[in-house]
């Protein structure tokens, strides 16, 4: 049994989600190969080779894979994947874009966003916004799986010494072209990788009031998130959204400020190790999942908290 893990990377470095995906592969068992598809991605391949438990790294270095367009990467994965028992990728935008195409090309079903491995063919995944956990068994010859990174502790980034092997496959499909991207820049940690997250909801009132959260986050070295209600109201950009339709986070500490705790938001943060809620409504659903709750006016509580840090 050999497992192919699709690396999430920037060509220059691996994304943290790759380590979580390798950890899921380790739970399944068998040899683990990591595919790094990119352009001038030797540094990412070298980093993948150092991951503990990885037996081999496949490096597909081609200009067509520079931006990991799914129309180009999916045929490559499908071609290489025919020799594997499992194909895994992180349940990121990239993974969700590539693996359904791979599953279709291989004519197998896909299992999405697993959070636990029961056996080589049986997995657990959340359904109904995380309110129920489904146990799914697959009889497919090749199991195509996306992995929710918050469900698995990261594999050790050092300790491995895998060989790096150059591979080739279908390159430019000619169906799409990369035009450009605009990346949000911040001195704060990236939301999905931060150990502390401070999030604001509709209770913040407006975008200007998020300055209180930014001040607290800067003191704590935290990332700043938001509920969908705050994003929909235009308080903050949508790349800050935490929840079922936003980013899934599981930091050591999650501070929810002015967030009522709608089911969609809880689905994105309830795996946090410690949850602190600040809300003036003592009946807010967020208090049902919070480890610590403070019923107070956030405009008084947050500045006081920021001063005391």
C-alpha atoms as a PDB file:
ATOM      1  CA  UNK A   1       0.000   0.000   0.000  1.00  0.00           C
ATOM      2  CA  UNK A   2       1.529   3.284  -1.160  1.00  0.00           C
ATOM      3  CA  UNK A   3       0.048   6.730  -0.577  1.00  0.00           C
ATOM      4  CA  UNK A   4       0.543   9.818  -2.752  1.00  0.00           C
ATOM      5  CA  UNK A   5       0.338  13.144  -0.916  1.00  0.00           C
ATOM      6  CA  UNK A   6      -0.071  16.286  -3.022  1.00  0.00           C
ATOM      7  CA  UNK A   7       2.118  18.983  -1.507  1.00  0.00           C
ATOM      8  CA  UNK A   8       0.726  22.426  -0.828  1.00  0.00           C
ATOM      9  CA  UNK A   9       3.548  24.882  -1.498  1.00  0.00           C
ATOM     10  CA  UNK A  10       4.692  28.221  -2.889  1.00  0.00           C
ATOM     11  CA  UNK A  11       7.509  26.701  -5.001  1.00  0.00           C
ATOM     12  CA  UNK A  12       9.973  28.156  -2.505  1.00  0.00           C
ATOM     13  CA  UNK A  13       8.508  26.536   0.627  1.00  0.00           C
ATOM     14  CA  UNK A  14       5.966  24.017   1.819  1.00  0.00           C
ATOM     15  CA  UNK A  15       2.684  25.123   3.370  1.00  0.00           C
ATOM     16  CA  UNK A  16       1.989  23.904   6.894  1.00  0.00           C
ATOM     17  CA  UNK A  17      -1.073  21.974   5.666  1.00  0.00           C
ATOM     18  CA  UNK A  18       1.246  19.539   3.867  1.00  0.00           C
ATOM     19  CA  UNK A  19       2.565  18.331   7.236  1.00  0.00           C
ATOM     20  CA  UNK A  20      -0.971  17.672   8.476  1.00  0.00           C
ATOM     21  CA  UNK A  21      -1.763  15.748   5.301  1.00  0.00           C
ATOM     22  CA  UNK A  22       1.350  13.603   5.721  1.00  0.00           C
ATOM     23  CA  UNK A  23       0.236  12.929   9.304  1.00  0.00           C
ATOM     24  CA  UNK A  24      -3.107  11.653   7.982  1.00  0.00           C
ATOM     25  CA  UNK A  25      -1.226   9.422   5.517  1.00  0.00           C
ATOM     26  CA  UNK A  26       0.813   8.019   8.396  1.00  0.00           C
ATOM     27  CA  UNK A  27      -2.423   7.042  10.150  1.00  0.00           C
ATOM     28  CA  UNK A  28      -3.455   5.060   7.071  1.00  0.00           C
ATOM     29  CA  UNK A  29      -0.104   3.260   6.938  1.00  0.00           C
ATOM     30  CA  UNK A  30       2.181   2.242   4.094  1.00  0.00           C
ATOM     31  CA  UNK A  31       4.852   4.027   2.096  1.00  0.00           C
ATOM     32  CA  UNK A  32       4.281   7.755   1.645  1.00  0.00           C
ATOM     33  CA  UNK A  33       5.305   9.601  -1.506  1.00  0.00           C
ATOM     34  CA  UNK A  34       4.929  13.375  -1.814  1.00  0.00           C
ATOM     35  CA  UNK A  35       4.293  15.070  -5.162  1.00  0.00           C
ATOM     36  CA  UNK A  36       5.628  18.599  -5.557  1.00  0.00           C
ATOM     37  CA  UNK A  37       4.228  20.050  -8.798  1.00  0.00           C
ATOM     38  CA  UNK A  38       5.549  23.510  -9.557  1.00  0.00           C
ATOM     39  CA  UNK A  39       8.166  25.557 -11.372  1.00  0.00           C
ATOM     40  CA  UNK A  40      11.626  26.036  -9.877  1.00  0.00           C
ATOM     41  CA  UNK A  41      10.222  24.159  -6.898  1.00  0.00           C
ATOM     42  CA  UNK A  42      13.427  22.423  -5.845  1.00  0.00           C
ATOM     43  CA  UNK A  43      13.387  24.143  -2.449  1.00  0.00           C
ATOM     44  CA  UNK A  44       9.883  22.867  -1.715  1.00  0.00           C
ATOM     45  CA  UNK A  45      10.888  19.359  -2.814  1.00  0.00           C
ATOM     46  CA  UNK A  46      13.944  19.432  -0.536  1.00  0.00           C
ATOM     47  CA  UNK A  47      11.728  20.490   2.369  1.00  0.00           C
ATOM     48  CA  UNK A  48       9.314  17.650   1.585  1.00  0.00           C
ATOM     49  CA  UNK A  49      12.206  15.174   1.586  1.00  0.00           C
ATOM     50  CA  UNK A  50      13.014  16.135   5.174  1.00  0.00           C
ATOM     51  CA  UNK A  51       9.530  15.350   6.508  1.00  0.00           C
ATOM     52  CA  UNK A  52       9.647  12.409   8.884  1.00  0.00           C
ATOM     53  CA  UNK A  53       7.977   9.342   7.413  1.00  0.00           C
ATOM     54  CA  UNK A  54       8.210  10.317   3.742  1.00  0.00           C
ATOM     55  CA  UNK A  55       9.774   7.586   1.593  1.00  0.00           C
ATOM     56  CA  UNK A  56      10.060   9.449  -1.720  1.00  0.00           C
ATOM     57  CA  UNK A  57       9.456  12.895  -3.198  1.00  0.00           C
ATOM     58  CA  UNK A  58       8.278  13.252  -6.792  1.00  0.00           C
ATOM     59  CA  UNK A  59       9.232  16.600  -8.324  1.00  0.00           C
ATOM     60  CA  UNK A  60       7.277  17.680 -11.402  1.00  0.00           C
ATOM     61  CA  UNK A  61       9.076  20.864 -12.395  1.00  0.00           C
ATOM     62  CA  UNK A  62       7.420  22.553 -15.346  1.00  0.00           C
ATOM     63  CA  UNK A  63       6.372  26.110 -16.115  1.00  0.00           C
ATOM     64  CA  UNK A  64       2.811  24.839 -16.604  1.00  0.00           C
ATOM     65  CA  UNK A  65       2.647  23.962 -12.900  1.00  0.00           C
ATOM     66  CA  UNK A  66       4.048  27.281 -11.654  1.00  0.00           C
ATOM     67  CA  UNK A  67       0.741  28.487 -10.250  1.00  0.00           C
ATOM     68  CA  UNK A  68      -0.755  25.027  -9.759  1.00  0.00           C
ATOM     69  CA  UNK A  69      -3.694  25.601 -12.061  1.00  0.00           C
ATOM     70  CA  UNK A  70      -6.017  22.613 -11.544  1.00  0.00           C
ATOM     71  CA  UNK A  71      -6.527  22.168 -15.282  1.00  0.00           C
ATOM     72  CA  UNK A  72      -2.806  21.370 -15.548  1.00  0.00           C
ATOM     73  CA  UNK A  73      -2.050  19.698 -12.221  1.00  0.00           C
ATOM     74  CA  UNK A  74      -5.073  17.374 -12.064  1.00  0.00           C
ATOM     75  CA  UNK A  75      -4.134  15.364 -15.214  1.00  0.00           C
ATOM     76  CA  UNK A  76      -0.624  14.949 -13.807  1.00  0.00           C
ATOM     77  CA  UNK A  77      -1.944  13.677 -10.467  1.00  0.00           C
ATOM     78  CA  UNK A  78      -4.430  11.368 -12.183  1.00  0.00           C
ATOM     79  CA  UNK A  79      -1.688   9.883 -14.362  1.00  0.00           C
ATOM     80  CA  UNK A  80       0.741   9.344 -11.491  1.00  0.00           C
ATOM     81  CA  UNK A  81      -2.019   8.326  -9.104  1.00  0.00           C
ATOM     82  CA  UNK A  82      -2.902   5.156 -11.021  1.00  0.00           C
ATOM     83  CA  UNK A  83      -0.090   3.391  -9.189  1.00  0.00           C
ATOM     84  CA  UNK A  84      -1.220   4.334  -5.685  1.00  0.00           C
ATOM     85  CA  UNK A  85      -3.780   3.031  -3.212  1.00  0.00           C
ATOM     86  CA  UNK A  86      -4.584   6.487  -1.807  1.00  0.00           C
ATOM     87  CA  UNK A  87      -4.231  10.067  -3.071  1.00  0.00           C
ATOM     88  CA  UNK A  88      -4.373  12.745  -0.366  1.00  0.00           C
ATOM     89  CA  UNK A  89      -4.371  16.527  -0.424  1.00  0.00           C
ATOM     90  CA  UNK A  90      -5.131  19.197   2.141  1.00  0.00           C
ATOM     91  CA  UNK A  91      -8.701  20.513   2.094  1.00  0.00           C
ATOM     92  CA  UNK A  92      -7.510  23.947   1.015  1.00  0.00           C
ATOM     93  CA  UNK A  93      -8.728  25.916  -1.991  1.00  0.00           C
ATOM     94  CA  UNK A  94      -6.034  24.183  -4.063  1.00  0.00           C
ATOM     95  CA  UNK A  95      -6.831  20.708  -2.807  1.00  0.00           C
ATOM     96  CA  UNK A  96     -10.563  21.184  -3.273  1.00  0.00           C
ATOM     97  CA  UNK A  97      -9.909  22.438  -6.793  1.00  0.00           C
ATOM     98  CA  UNK A  98      -7.625  19.616  -7.884  1.00  0.00           C
ATOM     99  CA  UNK A  99      -8.805  16.381  -6.268  1.00  0.00           C
ATOM    100  CA  UNK A 100     -12.433  16.301  -7.545  1.00  0.00           C
ATOM    101  CA  UNK A 101     -10.989  16.467 -11.072  1.00  0.00           C
ATOM    102  CA  UNK A 102      -8.599  13.653 -10.211  1.00  0.00           C
ATOM    103  CA  UNK A 103     -11.411  11.513  -8.804  1.00  0.00           C
ATOM    104  CA  UNK A 104     -13.479  12.087 -11.940  1.00  0.00           C
ATOM    105  CA  UNK A 105     -10.542  11.194 -14.189  1.00  0.00           C
ATOM    106  CA  UNK A 106      -9.946   7.975 -12.227  1.00  0.00           C
ATOM    107  CA  UNK A 107     -13.701   7.245 -12.099  1.00  0.00           C
ATOM    108  CA  UNK A 108     -13.764   6.901  -8.311  1.00  0.00           C
ATOM    109  CA  UNK A 109     -15.605   8.671  -5.524  1.00  0.00           C
ATOM    110  CA  UNK A 110     -13.906  11.341  -3.410  1.00  0.00           C
ATOM    111  CA  UNK A 111     -13.995  11.458   0.382  1.00  0.00           C
ATOM    112  CA  UNK A 112     -13.894  15.065   1.531  1.00  0.00           C
ATOM    113  CA  UNK A 113     -12.379  16.718   4.607  1.00  0.00           C
ATOM    114  CA  UNK A 114     -11.596  13.695   6.748  1.00  0.00           C
ATOM    115  CA  UNK A 115     -10.780  14.387  10.393  1.00  0.00           C
ATOM    116  CA  UNK A 116      -9.846  10.846  11.489  1.00  0.00           C
ATOM    117  CA  UNK A 117      -8.630   7.563  10.041  1.00  0.00           C
ATOM    118  CA  UNK A 118     -10.336   4.398  11.278  1.00  0.00           C
ATOM    119  CA  UNK A 119      -8.583   2.041   8.854  1.00  0.00           C
ATOM    120  CA  UNK A 120      -7.149   2.049   5.345  1.00  0.00           C
ATOM    121  CA  UNK A 121     -10.650   2.210   3.858  1.00  0.00           C
ATOM    122  CA  UNK A 122     -12.699   3.869   6.620  1.00  0.00           C
ATOM    123  CA  UNK A 123     -12.611   7.517   7.612  1.00  0.00           C
ATOM    124  CA  UNK A 124     -14.515  10.081   9.656  1.00  0.00           C
ATOM    125  CA  UNK A 125     -15.686  13.403   8.277  1.00  0.00           C
ATOM    126  CA  UNK A 126     -17.959  16.158   9.582  1.00  0.00           C
ATOM    127  CA  UNK A 127     -21.411  16.708   8.089  1.00  0.00           C
ATOM    128  CA  UNK A 128     -24.227  19.181   8.835  1.00  0.00           C
ATOM    129  CA  UNK A 129     -21.753  21.972   9.607  1.00  0.00           C
ATOM    130  CA  UNK A 130     -19.900  19.725  12.021  1.00  0.00           C
ATOM    131  CA  UNK A 131     -22.929  18.792  14.100  1.00  0.00           C
ATOM    132  CA  UNK A 132     -22.592  15.144  13.129  1.00  0.00           C
ATOM    133  CA  UNK A 133     -19.623  12.972  12.222  1.00  0.00           C
ATOM    134  CA  UNK A 134     -20.069  10.477   9.399  1.00  0.00           C
ATOM    135  CA  UNK A 135     -18.030   7.286   9.224  1.00  0.00           C
ATOM    136  CA  UNK A 136     -17.394   6.583   5.549  1.00  0.00           C
ATOM    137  CA  UNK A 137     -16.052   3.355   4.073  1.00  0.00           C
ATOM    138  CA  UNK A 138     -14.777   3.290   0.508  1.00  0.00           C
ATOM    139  CA  UNK A 139     -14.345   0.246  -1.715  1.00  0.00           C
ATOM    140  CA  UNK A 140     -12.686   2.257  -4.493  1.00  0.00           C
ATOM    141  CA  UNK A 141      -9.453   0.819  -5.868  1.00  0.00           C
ATOM    142  CA  UNK A 142      -7.855   4.247  -5.450  1.00  0.00           C
ATOM    143  CA  UNK A 143      -9.101   6.342  -2.558  1.00  0.00           C
ATOM    144  CA  UNK A 144      -9.070  10.076  -3.298  1.00  0.00           C
ATOM    145  CA  UNK A 145      -9.230  12.065  -0.072  1.00  0.00           C
ATOM    146  CA  UNK A 146      -9.007  15.653   1.110  1.00  0.00           C
ATOM    147  CA  UNK A 147      -7.773  16.152   4.658  1.00  0.00           C
ATOM    148  CA  UNK A 148      -9.009  18.799   7.090  1.00  0.00           C
ATOM    149  CA  UNK A 149      -5.706  19.967   8.533  1.00  0.00           C
ATOM    150  CA  UNK A 150      -7.166  20.826  11.944  1.00  0.00           C
ATOM    151  CA  UNK A 151      -8.011  17.168  12.469  1.00  0.00           C
ATOM    152  CA  UNK A 152      -4.400  15.977  12.495  1.00  0.00           C
ATOM    153  CA  UNK A 153      -1.306  17.118  14.352  1.00  0.00           C
ATOM    154  CA  UNK A 154       1.456  18.092  11.931  1.00  0.00           C
ATOM    155  CA  UNK A 155       4.089  15.527  11.020  1.00  0.00           C
ATOM    156  CA  UNK A 156       7.655  16.406  12.016  1.00  0.00           C
ATOM    157  CA  UNK A 157       9.179  18.729   9.419  1.00  0.00           C
ATOM    158  CA  UNK A 158      12.669  17.345  10.107  1.00  0.00           C
ATOM    159  CA  UNK A 159      14.031  13.855  10.461  1.00  0.00           C
ATOM    160  CA  UNK A 160      13.393  12.407   7.019  1.00  0.00           C
ATOM    161  CA  UNK A 161      15.872  11.777   4.217  1.00  0.00           C
ATOM    162  CA  UNK A 162      13.737  10.823   1.237  1.00  0.00           C
ATOM    163  CA  UNK A 163      15.105  10.692  -2.290  1.00  0.00           C
ATOM    164  CA  UNK A 164      13.855  13.298  -4.762  1.00  0.00           C
ATOM    165  CA  UNK A 165      12.862  11.859  -8.144  1.00  0.00           C
ATOM    166  CA  UNK A 166      12.030  13.943 -11.206  1.00  0.00           C
ATOM    167  CA  UNK A 167       8.766  13.019 -12.912  1.00  0.00           C
ATOM    168  CA  UNK A 168       6.868  14.331 -15.900  1.00  0.00           C
ATOM    169  CA  UNK A 169       3.354  14.055 -17.205  1.00  0.00           C
ATOM    170  CA  UNK A 170       0.666  16.036 -19.006  1.00  0.00           C
ATOM    171  CA  UNK A 171       1.718  19.663 -18.897  1.00  0.00           C
ATOM    172  CA  UNK A 172      -0.177  22.658 -20.277  1.00  0.00           C
ATOM    173  CA  UNK A 173      -3.737  21.646 -21.087  1.00  0.00           C
ATOM    174  CA  UNK A 174      -4.312  24.987 -22.791  1.00  0.00           C
ATOM    175  CA  UNK A 175      -7.614  25.474 -20.985  1.00  0.00           C
ATOM    176  CA  UNK A 176      -6.634  28.241 -18.596  1.00  0.00           C
ATOM    177  CA  UNK A 177      -3.896  30.787 -17.984  1.00  0.00           C
ATOM    178  CA  UNK A 178      -2.682  32.502 -14.849  1.00  0.00           C
ATOM    179  CA  UNK A 179      -3.351  36.232 -15.060  1.00  0.00           C
ATOM    180  CA  UNK A 180      -2.414  37.528 -11.608  1.00  0.00           C
ATOM    181  CA  UNK A 181      -3.211  37.523  -7.933  1.00  0.00           C
ATOM    182  CA  UNK A 182      -3.566  40.033  -5.144  1.00  0.00           C
ATOM    183  CA  UNK A 183      -2.419  38.740  -1.782  1.00  0.00           C
ATOM    184  CA  UNK A 184      -3.424  40.361   1.483  1.00  0.00           C
ATOM    185  CA  UNK A 185      -0.287  41.428   3.332  1.00  0.00           C
ATOM    186  CA  UNK A 186      -0.107  41.594   7.107  1.00  0.00           C
ATOM    187  CA  UNK A 187       2.507  41.621   9.826  1.00  0.00           C
ATOM    188  CA  UNK A 188       0.247  39.341  11.854  1.00  0.00           C
ATOM    189  CA  UNK A 189       0.332  35.531  11.567  1.00  0.00           C
ATOM    190  CA  UNK A 190      -1.622  33.833   8.794  1.00  0.00           C
ATOM    191  CA  UNK A 191      -5.104  33.001  10.056  1.00  0.00           C
ATOM    192  CA  UNK A 192      -5.094  29.232   9.561  1.00  0.00           C
ATOM    193  CA  UNK A 193      -1.587  28.812  11.013  1.00  0.00           C
ATOM    194  CA  UNK A 194      -1.819  31.179  14.012  1.00  0.00           C
ATOM    195  CA  UNK A 195      -1.603  29.814  17.561  1.00  0.00           C
ATOM    196  CA  UNK A 196      -3.882  32.608  18.792  1.00  0.00           C
ATOM    197  CA  UNK A 197      -6.856  34.047  16.905  1.00  0.00           C
ATOM    198  CA  UNK A 198      -8.975  37.041  17.909  1.00  0.00           C
ATOM    199  CA  UNK A 199     -12.237  37.269  15.962  1.00  0.00           C
ATOM    200  CA  UNK A 200     -14.965  39.875  15.832  1.00  0.00           C
ATOM    201  CA  UNK A 201     -18.600  39.610  14.857  1.00  0.00           C
ATOM    202  CA  UNK A 202     -21.601  41.775  14.147  1.00  0.00           C
ATOM    203  CA  UNK A 203     -21.354  43.110  17.696  1.00  0.00           C
ATOM    204  CA  UNK A 204     -18.287  45.140  16.654  1.00  0.00           C
ATOM    205  CA  UNK A 205     -20.736  47.609  15.097  1.00  0.00           C
ATOM    206  CA  UNK A 206     -18.514  48.719  12.225  1.00  0.00           C
ATOM    207  CA  UNK A 207     -15.123  48.152  10.652  1.00  0.00           C
ATOM    208  CA  UNK A 208     -13.444  51.000  12.510  1.00  0.00           C
ATOM    209  CA  UNK A 209     -14.125  49.262  15.815  1.00  0.00           C
ATOM    210  CA  UNK A 210     -11.939  46.345  14.748  1.00  0.00           C
ATOM    211  CA  UNK A 211      -9.044  48.586  15.824  1.00  0.00           C
ATOM    212  CA  UNK A 212      -9.670  47.286  19.344  1.00  0.00           C
ATOM    213  CA  UNK A 213      -9.092  43.726  18.132  1.00  0.00           C
ATOM    214  CA  UNK A 214      -6.021  44.695  16.130  1.00  0.00           C
ATOM    215  CA  UNK A 215      -4.487  46.293  19.224  1.00  0.00           C
ATOM    216  CA  UNK A 216      -5.179  43.185  21.297  1.00  0.00           C
ATOM    217  CA  UNK A 217      -3.910  40.889  18.557  1.00  0.00           C
ATOM    218  CA  UNK A 218      -0.661  42.839  18.249  1.00  0.00           C
ATOM    219  CA  UNK A 219      -0.076  42.427  21.986  1.00  0.00           C
ATOM    220  CA  UNK A 220      -0.784  38.684  21.807  1.00  0.00           C
ATOM    221  CA  UNK A 221       0.972  37.998  18.517  1.00  0.00           C
ATOM    222  CA  UNK A 222      -2.377  36.806  17.184  1.00  0.00           C
ATOM    223  CA  UNK A 223      -4.182  36.680  13.869  1.00  0.00           C
ATOM    224  CA  UNK A 224      -7.481  38.525  13.456  1.00  0.00           C
ATOM    225  CA  UNK A 225     -10.582  36.834  12.082  1.00  0.00           C
ATOM    226  CA  UNK A 226     -14.258  37.625  11.716  1.00  0.00           C
ATOM    227  CA  UNK A 227     -17.651  36.000  11.504  1.00  0.00           C
ATOM    228  CA  UNK A 228     -19.569  35.867   8.255  1.00  0.00           C
ATOM    229  CA  UNK A 229     -21.994  38.468   9.613  1.00  0.00           C
ATOM    230  CA  UNK A 230     -19.124  40.928  10.043  1.00  0.00           C
ATOM    231  CA  UNK A 231     -17.810  40.176   6.564  1.00  0.00           C
ATOM    232  CA  UNK A 232     -21.235  40.447   4.927  1.00  0.00           C
ATOM    233  CA  UNK A 233     -21.769  43.771   6.690  1.00  0.00           C
ATOM    234  CA  UNK A 234     -18.578  45.067   5.068  1.00  0.00           C
ATOM    235  CA  UNK A 235     -16.674  45.512   8.336  1.00  0.00           C
ATOM    236  CA  UNK A 236     -13.640  43.547   7.111  1.00  0.00           C
ATOM    237  CA  UNK A 237     -12.510  41.743   3.924  1.00  0.00           C
ATOM    238  CA  UNK A 238     -13.695  38.192   3.284  1.00  0.00           C
ATOM    239  CA  UNK A 239     -10.211  36.676   3.625  1.00  0.00           C
ATOM    240  CA  UNK A 240     -10.686  37.162   7.385  1.00  0.00           C
ATOM    241  CA  UNK A 241     -13.835  35.034   7.563  1.00  0.00           C
ATOM    242  CA  UNK A 242     -13.795  32.062   9.918  1.00  0.00           C
ATOM    243  CA  UNK A 243     -16.496  29.439   9.526  1.00  0.00           C
ATOM    244  CA  UNK A 244     -18.039  26.782   7.337  1.00  0.00           C
ATOM    245  CA  UNK A 245     -17.842  29.026   4.271  1.00  0.00           C
ATOM    246  CA  UNK A 246     -14.610  30.686   5.382  1.00  0.00           C
ATOM    247  CA  UNK A 247     -11.422  29.392   6.944  1.00  0.00           C
ATOM    248  CA  UNK A 248     -11.226  26.471   9.363  1.00  0.00           C
ATOM    249  CA  UNK A 249      -8.974  27.241  12.331  1.00  0.00           C
ATOM    250  CA  UNK A 250      -7.906  25.323  15.427  1.00  0.00           C
ATOM    251  CA  UNK A 251      -5.522  27.570  17.372  1.00  0.00           C
ATOM    252  CA  UNK A 252      -4.345  27.094  20.937  1.00  0.00           C
ATOM    253  CA  UNK A 253      -6.494  30.094  21.925  1.00  0.00           C
ATOM    254  CA  UNK A 254      -9.551  31.503  20.152  1.00  0.00           C
ATOM    255  CA  UNK A 255     -11.072  34.739  21.437  1.00  0.00           C
ATOM    256  CA  UNK A 256     -14.558  35.427  20.055  1.00  0.00           C
ATOM    257  CA  UNK A 257     -15.631  39.030  20.511  1.00  0.00           C
ATOM    258  CA  UNK A 258     -19.172  40.160  19.753  1.00  0.00           C
ATOM    259  CA  UNK A 259     -19.886  36.856  17.989  1.00  0.00           C
ATOM    260  CA  UNK A 260     -23.238  35.231  18.724  1.00  0.00           C
ATOM    261  CA  UNK A 261     -22.064  31.778  17.691  1.00  0.00           C
ATOM    262  CA  UNK A 262     -24.080  30.801  14.622  1.00  0.00           C
ATOM    263  CA  UNK A 263     -23.673  27.154  13.666  1.00  0.00           C
ATOM    264  CA  UNK A 264     -21.726  28.082  10.524  1.00  0.00           C
ATOM    265  CA  UNK A 265     -19.159  29.991  12.565  1.00  0.00           C
ATOM    266  CA  UNK A 266     -18.818  27.269  15.175  1.00  0.00           C
ATOM    267  CA  UNK A 267     -18.035  24.775  12.409  1.00  0.00           C
ATOM    268  CA  UNK A 268     -14.898  26.754  11.630  1.00  0.00           C
ATOM    269  CA  UNK A 269     -13.431  27.186  15.120  1.00  0.00           C
ATOM    270  CA  UNK A 270     -14.865  24.713  17.617  1.00  0.00           C
ATOM    271  CA  UNK A 271     -11.735  22.527  17.449  1.00  0.00           C
ATOM    272  CA  UNK A 272      -9.737  25.339  19.071  1.00  0.00           C
ATOM    273  CA  UNK A 273      -7.965  24.158  22.221  1.00  0.00           C
ATOM    274  CA  UNK A 274      -9.285  27.004  24.432  1.00  0.00           C
ATOM    275  CA  UNK A 275     -12.223  29.233  23.472  1.00  0.00           C
ATOM    276  CA  UNK A 276     -12.889  32.555  25.195  1.00  0.00           C
ATOM    277  CA  UNK A 277     -16.132  34.405  24.432  1.00  0.00           C
ATOM    278  CA  UNK A 278     -16.941  38.050  25.146  1.00  0.00           C
ATOM    279  CA  UNK A 279     -20.544  39.035  24.511  1.00  0.00           C
ATOM    280  CA  UNK A 280     -23.097  41.193  26.289  1.00  0.00           C
ATOM    281  CA  UNK A 281     -25.865  38.671  25.523  1.00  0.00           C
ATOM    282  CA  UNK A 282     -25.639  35.949  28.152  1.00  0.00           C
ATOM    283  CA  UNK A 283     -27.890  33.717  26.017  1.00  0.00           C
ATOM    284  CA  UNK A 284     -25.548  33.824  23.018  1.00  0.00           C
ATOM    285  CA  UNK A 285     -24.889  30.288  21.650  1.00  0.00           C
ATOM    286  CA  UNK A 286     -21.132  30.957  21.654  1.00  0.00           C
ATOM    287  CA  UNK A 287     -21.110  30.452  25.438  1.00  0.00           C
ATOM    288  CA  UNK A 288     -22.177  26.821  24.961  1.00  0.00           C
ATOM    289  CA  UNK A 289     -18.824  25.958  23.353  1.00  0.00           C
ATOM    290  CA  UNK A 290     -16.662  28.468  25.224  1.00  0.00           C
ATOM    291  CA  UNK A 291     -14.236  27.326  27.910  1.00  0.00           C
ATOM    292  CA  UNK A 292     -14.353  30.812  29.414  1.00  0.00           C
ATOM    293  CA  UNK A 293     -17.133  33.336  28.950  1.00  0.00           C
ATOM    294  CA  UNK A 294     -17.388  36.996  29.862  1.00  0.00           C
ATOM    295  CA  UNK A 295     -20.794  38.678  29.740  1.00  0.00           C
ATOM    296  CA  UNK A 296     -19.777  42.288  29.221  1.00  0.00           C
ATOM    297  CA  UNK A 297     -19.726  45.229  26.834  1.00  0.00           C
ATOM    298  CA  UNK A 298     -16.905  44.420  24.448  1.00  0.00           C
ATOM    299  CA  UNK A 299     -15.996  48.102  24.100  1.00  0.00           C
ATOM    300  CA  UNK A 300     -15.130  48.110  27.784  1.00  0.00           C
ATOM    301  CA  UNK A 301     -13.797  44.567  28.127  1.00  0.00           C
ATOM    302  CA  UNK A 302     -11.441  44.437  25.135  1.00  0.00           C
ATOM    303  CA  UNK A 303      -9.541  47.675  25.907  1.00  0.00           C
ATOM    304  CA  UNK A 304      -9.169  46.524  29.512  1.00  0.00           C
ATOM    305  CA  UNK A 305      -7.909  43.142  28.336  1.00  0.00           C
ATOM    306  CA  UNK A 306      -5.486  44.806  25.931  1.00  0.00           C
ATOM    307  CA  UNK A 307      -4.078  46.999  28.722  1.00  0.00           C
ATOM    308  CA  UNK A 308      -3.550  44.018  30.993  1.00  0.00           C
ATOM    309  CA  UNK A 309      -1.587  41.955  28.442  1.00  0.00           C
END
